[in-house]
Amino acid sequence: AGIQAELLAERVYKKSKGRIKIDIYPASKLGSLSEMIELVSSGRIAIHHTTMSGIGDLNEDFSFFDTPYLFESVEDLMQAASVKSQVMQKLNKDLIQKSGVRVFYTFYFGSRQLTANIPVKKYSDLKNIKIRSIPFPMYSAAVEGLGADPVPIDILDLYNSLRMGIVTGQENPVSTIYAMKFYEVQKYLIKTGHIMGAEIVVFNERIWKMLSDKQRKILEESAAEISKEATLLSIELEKTSLEGLRNMNMIIIDESSGLELKGFKENCRKVINEKFGSRFDDLYKMIDRRM
């Protein structure tokens, strides 16, 4: 995510011949996920990237994108998450009206996998086990669907929480697991692939309207390019990060080693229906999905 932000800043600077400069503040320097969402809504931050459920703090409907086991491929996900898709155009209109924030672009961020310090092959293995979740409702529901007790912990506190045993495990894309060295404090990587996720990049609407047509065109062209490039980068990072985790002696559990994915899927579906009911039915229909 940080890399794509840097790529965007470089592309915009080049295309504008140095007239538009985007300053990057990595590693939560401006606050927690929830705090930064509020800051971009108020206009103190112009551009912000987060998960779909993260932007759900401003409009809960975006959380439906992070429904466990909703998409079957990256292409499937990105077609639905494109700023030009029918469902995204509807959500973007609502987001602008409710929060003064617009969807700028999206990119594939990775499929979320479980890590733990115990071997896990079925969802019942996680009964009464504490697993960190991103502090948003859909992610908590996903962790419950995996069979565990969700514990909300900010990403900056996660490594130490794992090291001290406050939680037994966590879930993230393998690129994040590798980059943040969770292999130092986690023994098992369990390939649940429970959420195929796209990050969303949003732009404060008031600041957007202050820009000229020419400036907005430069930003839109850059956004379209970075969306594709960041998606390809994430796909490549998943491959190299998985190999890196193997080299760091993480034990990988997948279907070939007895992982019962069907049970995880069925339990996630049950929990999502219990937590959200028919809340997102119209959106699922727009992308031809049923939960």
C-alpha atoms as a PDB file:
ATOM      1  CA  ALA A   1       0.000   0.000   0.000  1.00  0.00           C
ATOM      2  CA  GLY A   2       2.847   2.353   0.832  1.00  0.00           C
ATOM      3  CA  ILE A   3       4.591   1.546  -2.433  1.00  0.00           C
ATOM      4  CA  GLN A   4       1.508   2.356  -4.520  1.00  0.00           C
ATOM      5  CA  ALA A   5       1.183   5.698  -2.715  1.00  0.00           C
ATOM      6  CA  GLU A   6       4.759   6.534  -3.661  1.00  0.00           C
ATOM      7  CA  LEU A   7       4.110   5.446  -7.253  1.00  0.00           C
ATOM      8  CA  LEU A   8       1.093   7.738  -7.425  1.00  0.00           C
ATOM      9  CA  ALA A   9       3.044  10.705  -6.080  1.00  0.00           C
ATOM     10  CA  GLU A  10       5.859  10.122  -8.581  1.00  0.00           C
ATOM     11  CA  ARG A  11       3.467   9.719 -11.527  1.00  0.00           C
ATOM     12  CA  VAL A  12       1.465  12.842 -10.688  1.00  0.00           C
ATOM     13  CA  TYR A  13       4.623  14.907 -10.155  1.00  0.00           C
ATOM     14  CA  LYS A  14       5.989  13.768 -13.529  1.00  0.00           C
ATOM     15  CA  LYS A  15       2.752  14.242 -15.483  1.00  0.00           C
ATOM     16  CA  SER A  16       2.213  17.714 -14.000  1.00  0.00           C
ATOM     17  CA  LYS A  17       5.852  18.693 -14.640  1.00  0.00           C
ATOM     18  CA  GLY A  18       6.314  19.275 -10.930  1.00  0.00           C
ATOM     19  CA  ARG A  19       3.223  21.446 -10.462  1.00  0.00           C
ATOM     20  CA  ILE A  20       1.374  18.907  -8.294  1.00  0.00           C
ATOM     21  CA  LYS A  21       3.220  17.429  -5.333  1.00  0.00           C
ATOM     22  CA  ILE A  22       1.726  14.736  -3.104  1.00  0.00           C
ATOM     23  CA  ASP A  23       3.353  14.316   0.319  1.00  0.00           C
ATOM     24  CA  ILE A  24       3.297  10.751   1.676  1.00  0.00           C
ATOM     25  CA  TYR A  25       2.949   9.966   5.401  1.00  0.00           C
ATOM     26  CA  PRO A  26       3.551   6.215   5.844  1.00  0.00           C
ATOM     27  CA  ALA A  27       3.154   3.821   8.789  1.00  0.00           C
ATOM     28  CA  SER A  28       0.147   5.532  10.395  1.00  0.00           C
ATOM     29  CA  LYS A  29       2.098   8.732  11.090  1.00  0.00           C
ATOM     30  CA  LEU A  30      -1.125  10.743  10.886  1.00  0.00           C
ATOM     31  CA  GLY A  31      -3.130   8.465  13.160  1.00  0.00           C
ATOM     32  CA  SER A  32      -4.993   5.169  13.378  1.00  0.00           C
ATOM     33  CA  LEU A  33      -7.182   3.849  10.563  1.00  0.00           C
ATOM     34  CA  SER A  34     -10.327   5.340  12.109  1.00  0.00           C
ATOM     35  CA  GLU A  35      -8.625   8.670  12.796  1.00  0.00           C
ATOM     36  CA  MET A  36      -7.338   8.991   9.219  1.00  0.00           C
ATOM     37  CA  ILE A  37     -10.786   8.266   7.799  1.00  0.00           C
ATOM     38  CA  GLU A  38     -12.155  11.179   9.808  1.00  0.00           C
ATOM     39  CA  LEU A  39      -9.253  13.385   8.721  1.00  0.00           C
ATOM     40  CA  VAL A  40      -9.872  12.776   5.018  1.00  0.00           C
ATOM     41  CA  SER A  41     -13.583  13.449   5.519  1.00  0.00           C
ATOM     42  CA  SER A  42     -12.779  16.775   7.191  1.00  0.00           C
ATOM     43  CA  GLY A  43     -10.216  17.673   4.504  1.00  0.00           C
ATOM     44  CA  ARG A  44      -7.167  17.729   6.773  1.00  0.00           C
ATOM     45  CA  ILE A  45      -5.894  14.843   4.640  1.00  0.00           C
ATOM     46  CA  ALA A  46      -6.508  15.119   0.894  1.00  0.00           C
ATOM     47  CA  ILE A  47      -5.973  11.473  -0.100  1.00  0.00           C
ATOM     48  CA  HIS A  48      -6.193   8.310   1.986  1.00  0.00           C
ATOM     49  CA  HIS A  49      -6.045   4.589   1.254  1.00  0.00           C
ATOM     50  CA  THR A  50      -7.729   1.976   3.412  1.00  0.00           C
ATOM     51  CA  THR A  51      -9.667  -1.275   3.270  1.00  0.00           C
ATOM     52  CA  MET A  52     -13.222  -1.376   1.975  1.00  0.00           C
ATOM     53  CA  SER A  53     -14.462  -2.042   5.494  1.00  0.00           C
ATOM     54  CA  GLY A  54     -12.285   0.813   6.719  1.00  0.00           C
ATOM     55  CA  ILE A  55     -14.076   3.309   4.537  1.00  0.00           C
ATOM     56  CA  GLY A  56     -17.234   1.662   5.870  1.00  0.00           C
ATOM     57  CA  ASP A  57     -16.869   4.006   8.841  1.00  0.00           C
ATOM     58  CA  LEU A  58     -18.123   6.685   6.436  1.00  0.00           C
ATOM     59  CA  ASN A  59     -20.504   4.456   4.484  1.00  0.00           C
ATOM     60  CA  GLU A  60     -21.128   0.947   5.806  1.00  0.00           C
ATOM     61  CA  ASP A  61     -22.184  -0.348   2.389  1.00  0.00           C
ATOM     62  CA  PHE A  62     -18.546  -0.492   1.253  1.00  0.00           C
ATOM     63  CA  SER A  63     -18.004  -3.272   3.793  1.00  0.00           C
ATOM     64  CA  PHE A  64     -19.851  -5.697   1.541  1.00  0.00           C
ATOM     65  CA  PHE A  65     -16.730  -5.905  -0.675  1.00  0.00           C
ATOM     66  CA  ASP A  66     -14.916  -7.575   2.252  1.00  0.00           C
ATOM     67  CA  THR A  67     -17.513 -10.309   2.691  1.00  0.00           C
ATOM     68  CA  PRO A  68     -15.590 -13.574   3.209  1.00  0.00           C
ATOM     69  CA  TYR A  69     -15.367 -15.838   0.163  1.00  0.00           C
ATOM     70  CA  LEU A  70     -17.316 -13.412  -2.036  1.00  0.00           C
ATOM     71  CA  PHE A  71     -14.990 -13.361  -5.066  1.00  0.00           C
ATOM     72  CA  GLU A  72     -13.424 -16.237  -6.969  1.00  0.00           C
ATOM     73  CA  SER A  73     -10.542 -14.416  -8.682  1.00  0.00           C
ATOM     74  CA  VAL A  74      -8.630 -11.140  -8.714  1.00  0.00           C
ATOM     75  CA  GLU A  75     -10.221 -10.280 -12.056  1.00  0.00           C
ATOM     76  CA  ASP A  76     -13.656 -10.919 -10.564  1.00  0.00           C
ATOM     77  CA  LEU A  77     -12.901  -8.668  -7.597  1.00  0.00           C
ATOM     78  CA  MET A  78     -11.386  -5.817  -9.569  1.00  0.00           C
ATOM     79  CA  GLN A  79     -14.208  -5.774 -12.101  1.00  0.00           C
ATOM     80  CA  ALA A  80     -16.657  -5.176  -9.245  1.00  0.00           C
ATOM     81  CA  ALA A  81     -14.332  -2.753  -7.410  1.00  0.00           C
ATOM     82  CA  SER A  82     -13.534  -0.632 -10.480  1.00  0.00           C
ATOM     83  CA  VAL A  83     -14.516   3.029 -10.138  1.00  0.00           C
ATOM     84  CA  LYS A  84     -16.499   2.530 -13.373  1.00  0.00           C
ATOM     85  CA  SER A  85     -18.570  -0.454 -12.177  1.00  0.00           C
ATOM     86  CA  GLN A  86     -22.276  -0.032 -11.559  1.00  0.00           C
ATOM     87  CA  VAL A  87     -22.034  -0.862  -7.874  1.00  0.00           C
ATOM     88  CA  MET A  88     -19.055   1.425  -7.278  1.00  0.00           C
ATOM     89  CA  GLN A  89     -20.678   4.353  -9.026  1.00  0.00           C
ATOM     90  CA  LYS A  90     -23.706   3.970  -6.755  1.00  0.00           C
ATOM     91  CA  LEU A  91     -21.546   3.737  -3.624  1.00  0.00           C
ATOM     92  CA  ASN A  92     -19.369   6.659  -4.739  1.00  0.00           C
ATOM     93  CA  LYS A  93     -22.402   8.910  -5.196  1.00  0.00           C
ATOM     94  CA  ASP A  94     -23.606   8.043  -1.693  1.00  0.00           C
ATOM     95  CA  LEU A  95     -20.121   8.529  -0.213  1.00  0.00           C
ATOM     96  CA  ILE A  96     -19.764  12.027  -1.676  1.00  0.00           C
ATOM     97  CA  GLN A  97     -23.203  13.061  -0.425  1.00  0.00           C
ATOM     98  CA  LYS A  98     -22.802  11.629   3.083  1.00  0.00           C
ATOM     99  CA  SER A  99     -19.136  12.255   3.849  1.00  0.00           C
ATOM    100  CA  GLY A 100     -17.608  14.689   1.371  1.00  0.00           C
ATOM    101  CA  VAL A 101     -15.223  12.003   0.117  1.00  0.00           C
ATOM    102  CA  ARG A 102     -15.000  10.460  -3.368  1.00  0.00           C
ATOM    103  CA  VAL A 103     -13.582   7.159  -4.603  1.00  0.00           C
ATOM    104  CA  PHE A 104     -10.332   7.950  -6.406  1.00  0.00           C
ATOM    105  CA  TYR A 105      -9.228   4.450  -7.427  1.00  0.00           C
ATOM    106  CA  THR A 106      -8.897   0.897  -6.142  1.00  0.00           C
ATOM    107  CA  PHE A 107      -6.252  -1.811  -6.373  1.00  0.00           C
ATOM    108  CA  TYR A 108      -5.881  -5.457  -5.406  1.00  0.00           C
ATOM    109  CA  PHE A 109      -4.224  -5.722  -2.024  1.00  0.00           C
ATOM    110  CA  GLY A 110      -4.084  -9.484  -1.534  1.00  0.00           C
ATOM    111  CA  SER A 111      -6.006 -12.404  -0.153  1.00  0.00           C
ATOM    112  CA  ARG A 112      -6.115 -12.512   3.623  1.00  0.00           C
ATOM    113  CA  GLN A 113      -4.604 -15.603   5.251  1.00  0.00           C
ATOM    114  CA  LEU A 114      -4.596 -16.736   8.851  1.00  0.00           C
ATOM    115  CA  THR A 115      -1.453 -17.143  10.967  1.00  0.00           C
ATOM    116  CA  ALA A 116      -1.314 -18.732  14.421  1.00  0.00           C
ATOM    117  CA  ASN A 117       0.950 -20.400  16.925  1.00  0.00           C
ATOM    118  CA  ILE A 118      -1.192 -23.523  16.863  1.00  0.00           C
ATOM    119  CA  PRO A 119      -1.901 -25.809  13.875  1.00  0.00           C
ATOM    120  CA  VAL A 120      -5.355 -25.108  12.394  1.00  0.00           C
ATOM    121  CA  LYS A 121      -7.113 -27.331   9.878  1.00  0.00           C
ATOM    122  CA  LYS A 122     -10.810 -26.726  10.596  1.00  0.00           C
ATOM    123  CA  TYR A 123     -12.795 -23.880  12.101  1.00  0.00           C
ATOM    124  CA  SER A 124     -13.478 -25.826  15.318  1.00  0.00           C
ATOM    125  CA  ASP A 125      -9.706 -25.756  16.005  1.00  0.00           C
ATOM    126  CA  LEU A 126     -10.090 -22.036  16.754  1.00  0.00           C
ATOM    127  CA  LYS A 127     -12.831 -22.343  19.379  1.00  0.00           C
ATOM    128  CA  ASN A 128     -12.057 -19.958  22.275  1.00  0.00           C
ATOM    129  CA  ILE A 129      -8.835 -18.866  20.518  1.00  0.00           C
ATOM    130  CA  LYS A 130      -8.137 -15.125  20.360  1.00  0.00           C
ATOM    131  CA  ILE A 131      -7.274 -13.844  16.881  1.00  0.00           C
ATOM    132  CA  ARG A 132      -6.577 -10.210  16.084  1.00  0.00           C
ATOM    133  CA  SER A 133      -9.013  -8.498  13.761  1.00  0.00           C
ATOM    134  CA  ILE A 134      -9.034  -5.100  12.105  1.00  0.00           C
ATOM    135  CA  PRO A 135     -11.390  -3.022  14.300  1.00  0.00           C
ATOM    136  CA  PHE A 136     -14.272  -2.929  11.821  1.00  0.00           C
ATOM    137  CA  PRO A 137     -17.471  -5.049  11.941  1.00  0.00           C
ATOM    138  CA  MET A 138     -16.963  -7.099   8.746  1.00  0.00           C
ATOM    139  CA  TYR A 139     -13.435  -8.130   9.782  1.00  0.00           C
ATOM    140  CA  SER A 140     -14.599  -9.113  13.258  1.00  0.00           C
ATOM    141  CA  ALA A 141     -17.350 -11.184  11.638  1.00  0.00           C
ATOM    142  CA  ALA A 142     -14.814 -12.836   9.327  1.00  0.00           C
ATOM    143  CA  VAL A 143     -12.637 -13.872  12.284  1.00  0.00           C
ATOM    144  CA  GLU A 144     -15.731 -15.251  14.029  1.00  0.00           C
ATOM    145  CA  GLY A 145     -16.518 -17.116  10.832  1.00  0.00           C
ATOM    146  CA  LEU A 146     -13.095 -18.723  10.977  1.00  0.00           C
ATOM    147  CA  GLY A 147     -14.119 -20.010  14.403  1.00  0.00           C
ATOM    148  CA  ALA A 148     -12.128 -17.660  16.652  1.00  0.00           C
ATOM    149  CA  ASP A 149     -12.757 -14.858  19.132  1.00  0.00           C
ATOM    150  CA  PRO A 150     -11.882 -11.538  17.400  1.00  0.00           C
ATOM    151  CA  VAL A 151      -9.740  -9.041  19.315  1.00  0.00           C
ATOM    152  CA  PRO A 152      -9.459  -5.555  17.703  1.00  0.00           C
ATOM    153  CA  ILE A 153      -5.822  -4.382  17.639  1.00  0.00           C
ATOM    154  CA  ASP A 154      -4.290  -1.611  15.521  1.00  0.00           C
ATOM    155  CA  ILE A 155      -1.680  -2.800  13.044  1.00  0.00           C
ATOM    156  CA  LEU A 156       1.128  -0.876  14.768  1.00  0.00           C
ATOM    157  CA  ASP A 157       0.506  -2.782  18.015  1.00  0.00           C
ATOM    158  CA  LEU A 158       0.063  -6.181  16.411  1.00  0.00           C
ATOM    159  CA  TYR A 159       3.637  -7.505  16.422  1.00  0.00           C
ATOM    160  CA  ASN A 160       4.049  -6.942  20.160  1.00  0.00           C
ATOM    161  CA  SER A 161       0.584  -8.333  20.857  1.00  0.00           C
ATOM    162  CA  LEU A 162       1.577 -11.532  19.059  1.00  0.00           C
ATOM    163  CA  ARG A 163       4.954 -11.638  20.792  1.00  0.00           C
ATOM    164  CA  MET A 164       3.404 -11.247  24.240  1.00  0.00           C
ATOM    165  CA  GLY A 165       0.638 -13.761  23.540  1.00  0.00           C
ATOM    166  CA  ILE A 166      -2.218 -11.276  23.906  1.00  0.00           C
ATOM    167  CA  VAL A 167      -3.597 -12.961  20.785  1.00  0.00           C
ATOM    168  CA  THR A 168      -2.691 -16.377  19.372  1.00  0.00           C
ATOM    169  CA  GLY A 169      -2.831 -15.273  15.755  1.00  0.00           C
ATOM    170  CA  GLN A 170      -3.880 -12.730  13.163  1.00  0.00           C
ATOM    171  CA  GLU A 171      -4.976 -12.501   9.516  1.00  0.00           C
ATOM    172  CA  ASN A 172      -3.456 -10.458   6.703  1.00  0.00           C
ATOM    173  CA  PRO A 173      -2.238 -10.825   3.117  1.00  0.00           C
ATOM    174  CA  VAL A 174       1.051 -12.739   2.921  1.00  0.00           C
ATOM    175  CA  SER A 175       2.846  -9.611   1.694  1.00  0.00           C
ATOM    176  CA  THR A 176       1.922  -7.847   4.952  1.00  0.00           C
ATOM    177  CA  ILE A 177       2.797 -10.910   7.036  1.00  0.00           C
ATOM    178  CA  TYR A 178       6.246 -11.007   5.438  1.00  0.00           C
ATOM    179  CA  ALA A 179       6.902  -7.252   5.417  1.00  0.00           C
ATOM    180  CA  MET A 180       5.985  -6.877   9.106  1.00  0.00           C
ATOM    181  CA  LYS A 181       8.039  -9.956  10.088  1.00  0.00           C
ATOM    182  CA  PHE A 182       5.165 -11.754  11.746  1.00  0.00           C
ATOM    183  CA  TYR A 183       7.059 -14.969  10.957  1.00  0.00           C
ATOM    184  CA  GLU A 184       9.252 -14.100  13.950  1.00  0.00           C
ATOM    185  CA  VAL A 185       6.290 -14.470  16.316  1.00  0.00           C
ATOM    186  CA  GLN A 186       4.006 -16.880  14.411  1.00  0.00           C
ATOM    187  CA  LYS A 187       4.647 -20.530  13.561  1.00  0.00           C
ATOM    188  CA  TYR A 188       1.859 -21.480  11.152  1.00  0.00           C
ATOM    189  CA  LEU A 189       0.465 -19.896   7.980  1.00  0.00           C
ATOM    190  CA  ILE A 190      -3.014 -21.267   7.311  1.00  0.00           C
ATOM    191  CA  LYS A 191      -4.153 -20.559   3.751  1.00  0.00           C
ATOM    192  CA  THR A 192      -7.792 -19.780   4.419  1.00  0.00           C
ATOM    193  CA  GLY A 193      -7.913 -17.065   1.716  1.00  0.00           C
ATOM    194  CA  HIS A 194     -11.043 -15.850   3.450  1.00  0.00           C
ATOM    195  CA  ILE A 195     -11.118 -12.289   2.072  1.00  0.00           C
ATOM    196  CA  MET A 196      -9.899 -11.363  -1.392  1.00  0.00           C
ATOM    197  CA  GLY A 197      -9.403  -7.691  -0.771  1.00  0.00           C
ATOM    198  CA  ALA A 198      -9.148  -4.456  -2.707  1.00  0.00           C
ATOM    199  CA  GLU A 199      -7.798  -1.308  -1.098  1.00  0.00           C
ATOM    200  CA  ILE A 200      -9.739   1.862  -1.806  1.00  0.00           C
ATOM    201  CA  VAL A 201      -8.093   5.240  -2.325  1.00  0.00           C
ATOM    202  CA  VAL A 202     -10.339   8.190  -1.556  1.00  0.00           C
ATOM    203  CA  PHE A 203     -10.060  11.926  -2.176  1.00  0.00           C
ATOM    204  CA  ASN A 204     -11.608  14.749  -0.162  1.00  0.00           C
ATOM    205  CA  GLU A 205     -14.374  16.209  -2.343  1.00  0.00           C
ATOM    206  CA  ARG A 206     -13.860  19.854  -1.355  1.00  0.00           C
ATOM    207  CA  ILE A 207     -10.166  19.685  -2.261  1.00  0.00           C
ATOM    208  CA  TRP A 208     -10.999  17.816  -5.475  1.00  0.00           C
ATOM    209  CA  LYS A 209     -13.351  20.598  -6.568  1.00  0.00           C
ATOM    210  CA  MET A 210     -10.668  23.213  -5.874  1.00  0.00           C
ATOM    211  CA  LEU A 211      -8.518  21.692  -8.635  1.00  0.00           C
ATOM    212  CA  SER A 212      -8.706  22.751 -12.261  1.00  0.00           C
ATOM    213  CA  ASP A 213     -10.024  20.432 -14.979  1.00  0.00           C
ATOM    214  CA  LYS A 214      -6.464  19.948 -16.210  1.00  0.00           C
ATOM    215  CA  GLN A 215      -5.211  19.016 -12.750  1.00  0.00           C
ATOM    216  CA  ARG A 216      -8.071  16.566 -12.218  1.00  0.00           C
ATOM    217  CA  LYS A 217      -7.345  14.963 -15.589  1.00  0.00           C
ATOM    218  CA  ILE A 218      -3.709  14.403 -14.584  1.00  0.00           C
ATOM    219  CA  LEU A 219      -4.812  12.862 -11.312  1.00  0.00           C
ATOM    220  CA  GLU A 220      -7.404  10.609 -12.976  1.00  0.00           C
ATOM    221  CA  GLU A 221      -4.938   9.403 -15.618  1.00  0.00           C
ATOM    222  CA  SER A 222      -2.358   8.677 -12.941  1.00  0.00           C
ATOM    223  CA  ALA A 223      -4.925   6.892 -10.778  1.00  0.00           C
ATOM    224  CA  ALA A 224      -5.998   4.575 -13.622  1.00  0.00           C
ATOM    225  CA  GLU A 225      -2.371   3.649 -14.306  1.00  0.00           C
ATOM    226  CA  ILE A 226      -1.451   3.075 -10.665  1.00  0.00           C
ATOM    227  CA  SER A 227      -4.589   0.985 -10.084  1.00  0.00           C
ATOM    228  CA  LYS A 228      -3.368  -1.525 -12.684  1.00  0.00           C
ATOM    229  CA  GLU A 229       0.286  -1.353 -11.686  1.00  0.00           C
ATOM    230  CA  ALA A 230      -0.412  -1.746  -7.963  1.00  0.00           C
ATOM    231  CA  THR A 231      -2.661  -4.736  -8.648  1.00  0.00           C
ATOM    232  CA  LEU A 232       0.097  -6.472 -10.626  1.00  0.00           C
ATOM    233  CA  LEU A 233       2.609  -5.553  -7.935  1.00  0.00           C
ATOM    234  CA  SER A 234       0.398  -7.077  -5.222  1.00  0.00           C
ATOM    235  CA  ILE A 235       0.025 -10.310  -7.202  1.00  0.00           C
ATOM    236  CA  GLU A 236       3.809 -10.558  -7.597  1.00  0.00           C
ATOM    237  CA  LEU A 237       4.397  -9.681  -3.944  1.00  0.00           C
ATOM    238  CA  GLU A 238       2.067 -12.490  -2.880  1.00  0.00           C
ATOM    239  CA  LYS A 239       4.234 -14.986  -4.747  1.00  0.00           C
ATOM    240  CA  THR A 240       7.580 -13.729  -3.468  1.00  0.00           C
ATOM    241  CA  SER A 241       6.292 -13.188   0.081  1.00  0.00           C
ATOM    242  CA  LEU A 242       4.928 -16.732   0.293  1.00  0.00           C
ATOM    243  CA  GLU A 243       8.318 -18.061  -0.758  1.00  0.00           C
ATOM    244  CA  GLY A 244       9.948 -15.755   1.774  1.00  0.00           C
ATOM    245  CA  LEU A 245       7.747 -17.126   4.569  1.00  0.00           C
ATOM    246  CA  ARG A 246       8.725 -20.667   3.580  1.00  0.00           C
ATOM    247  CA  ASN A 247      12.370 -19.653   3.772  1.00  0.00           C
ATOM    248  CA  MET A 248      11.711 -18.279   7.258  1.00  0.00           C
ATOM    249  CA  ASN A 249      10.482 -21.750   8.251  1.00  0.00           C
ATOM    250  CA  MET A 250       6.815 -20.965   8.669  1.00  0.00           C
ATOM    251  CA  ILE A 251       4.777 -24.163   8.452  1.00  0.00           C
ATOM    252  CA  ILE A 252       2.193 -23.735   5.690  1.00  0.00           C
ATOM    253  CA  ILE A 253      -1.141 -25.501   6.018  1.00  0.00           C
ATOM    254  CA  ASP A 254      -3.319 -25.703   2.910  1.00  0.00           C
ATOM    255  CA  GLU A 255      -5.840 -28.114   1.390  1.00  0.00           C
ATOM    256  CA  SER A 256      -3.084 -30.492   0.355  1.00  0.00           C
ATOM    257  CA  SER A 257      -2.122 -30.833   4.029  1.00  0.00           C
ATOM    258  CA  GLY A 258      -5.659 -31.267   5.342  1.00  0.00           C
ATOM    259  CA  LEU A 259      -7.144 -27.772   5.537  1.00  0.00           C
ATOM    260  CA  GLU A 260     -10.951 -28.089   5.446  1.00  0.00           C
ATOM    261  CA  LEU A 261     -11.872 -24.974   3.477  1.00  0.00           C
ATOM    262  CA  LYS A 262     -15.486 -26.022   2.948  1.00  0.00           C
ATOM    263  CA  GLY A 263     -16.157 -25.817   6.676  1.00  0.00           C
ATOM    264  CA  PHE A 264     -14.597 -22.345   6.933  1.00  0.00           C
ATOM    265  CA  LYS A 265     -16.716 -21.123   4.028  1.00  0.00           C
ATOM    266  CA  GLU A 266     -19.944 -22.510   5.439  1.00  0.00           C
ATOM    267  CA  ASN A 267     -19.313 -21.110   8.918  1.00  0.00           C
ATOM    268  CA  CYS A 268     -18.346 -17.688   7.522  1.00  0.00           C
ATOM    269  CA  ARG A 269     -21.563 -17.613   5.511  1.00  0.00           C
ATOM    270  CA  LYS A 270     -23.540 -18.487   8.637  1.00  0.00           C
ATOM    271  CA  VAL A 271     -21.905 -15.747  10.738  1.00  0.00           C
ATOM    272  CA  ILE A 272     -22.261 -13.101   8.009  1.00  0.00           C
ATOM    273  CA  ASN A 273     -25.962 -13.874   7.669  1.00  0.00           C
ATOM    274  CA  GLU A 274     -26.373 -13.670  11.454  1.00  0.00           C
ATOM    275  CA  LYS A 275     -24.469 -10.373  11.754  1.00  0.00           C
ATOM    276  CA  PHE A 276     -25.694  -8.547   8.672  1.00  0.00           C
ATOM    277  CA  GLY A 277     -28.854 -10.358   7.580  1.00  0.00           C
ATOM    278  CA  SER A 278     -30.186  -8.885   4.337  1.00  0.00           C
ATOM    279  CA  ARG A 279     -28.179  -5.647   4.805  1.00  0.00           C
ATOM    280  CA  PHE A 280     -26.183  -6.062   1.573  1.00  0.00           C
ATOM    281  CA  ASP A 281     -28.558  -8.167  -0.536  1.00  0.00           C
ATOM    282  CA  ASP A 282     -29.131  -5.454  -3.155  1.00  0.00           C
ATOM    283  CA  LEU A 283     -25.377  -4.965  -3.553  1.00  0.00           C
ATOM    284  CA  TYR A 284     -24.747  -8.709  -3.867  1.00  0.00           C
ATOM    285  CA  LYS A 285     -27.368  -8.798  -6.612  1.00  0.00           C
ATOM    286  CA  MET A 286     -25.643  -5.948  -8.453  1.00  0.00           C
ATOM    287  CA  ILE A 287     -22.510  -8.083  -8.796  1.00  0.00           C
ATOM    288  CA  ASP A 288     -24.544 -11.284  -9.301  1.00  0.00           C
ATOM    289  CA  ARG A 289     -23.611 -12.884  -5.976  1.00  0.00           C
ATOM    290  CA  ARG A 290     -25.631 -14.586  -3.235  1.00  0.00           C
ATOM    291  CA  MET A 291     -24.695 -15.088   0.404  1.00  0.00           C
END
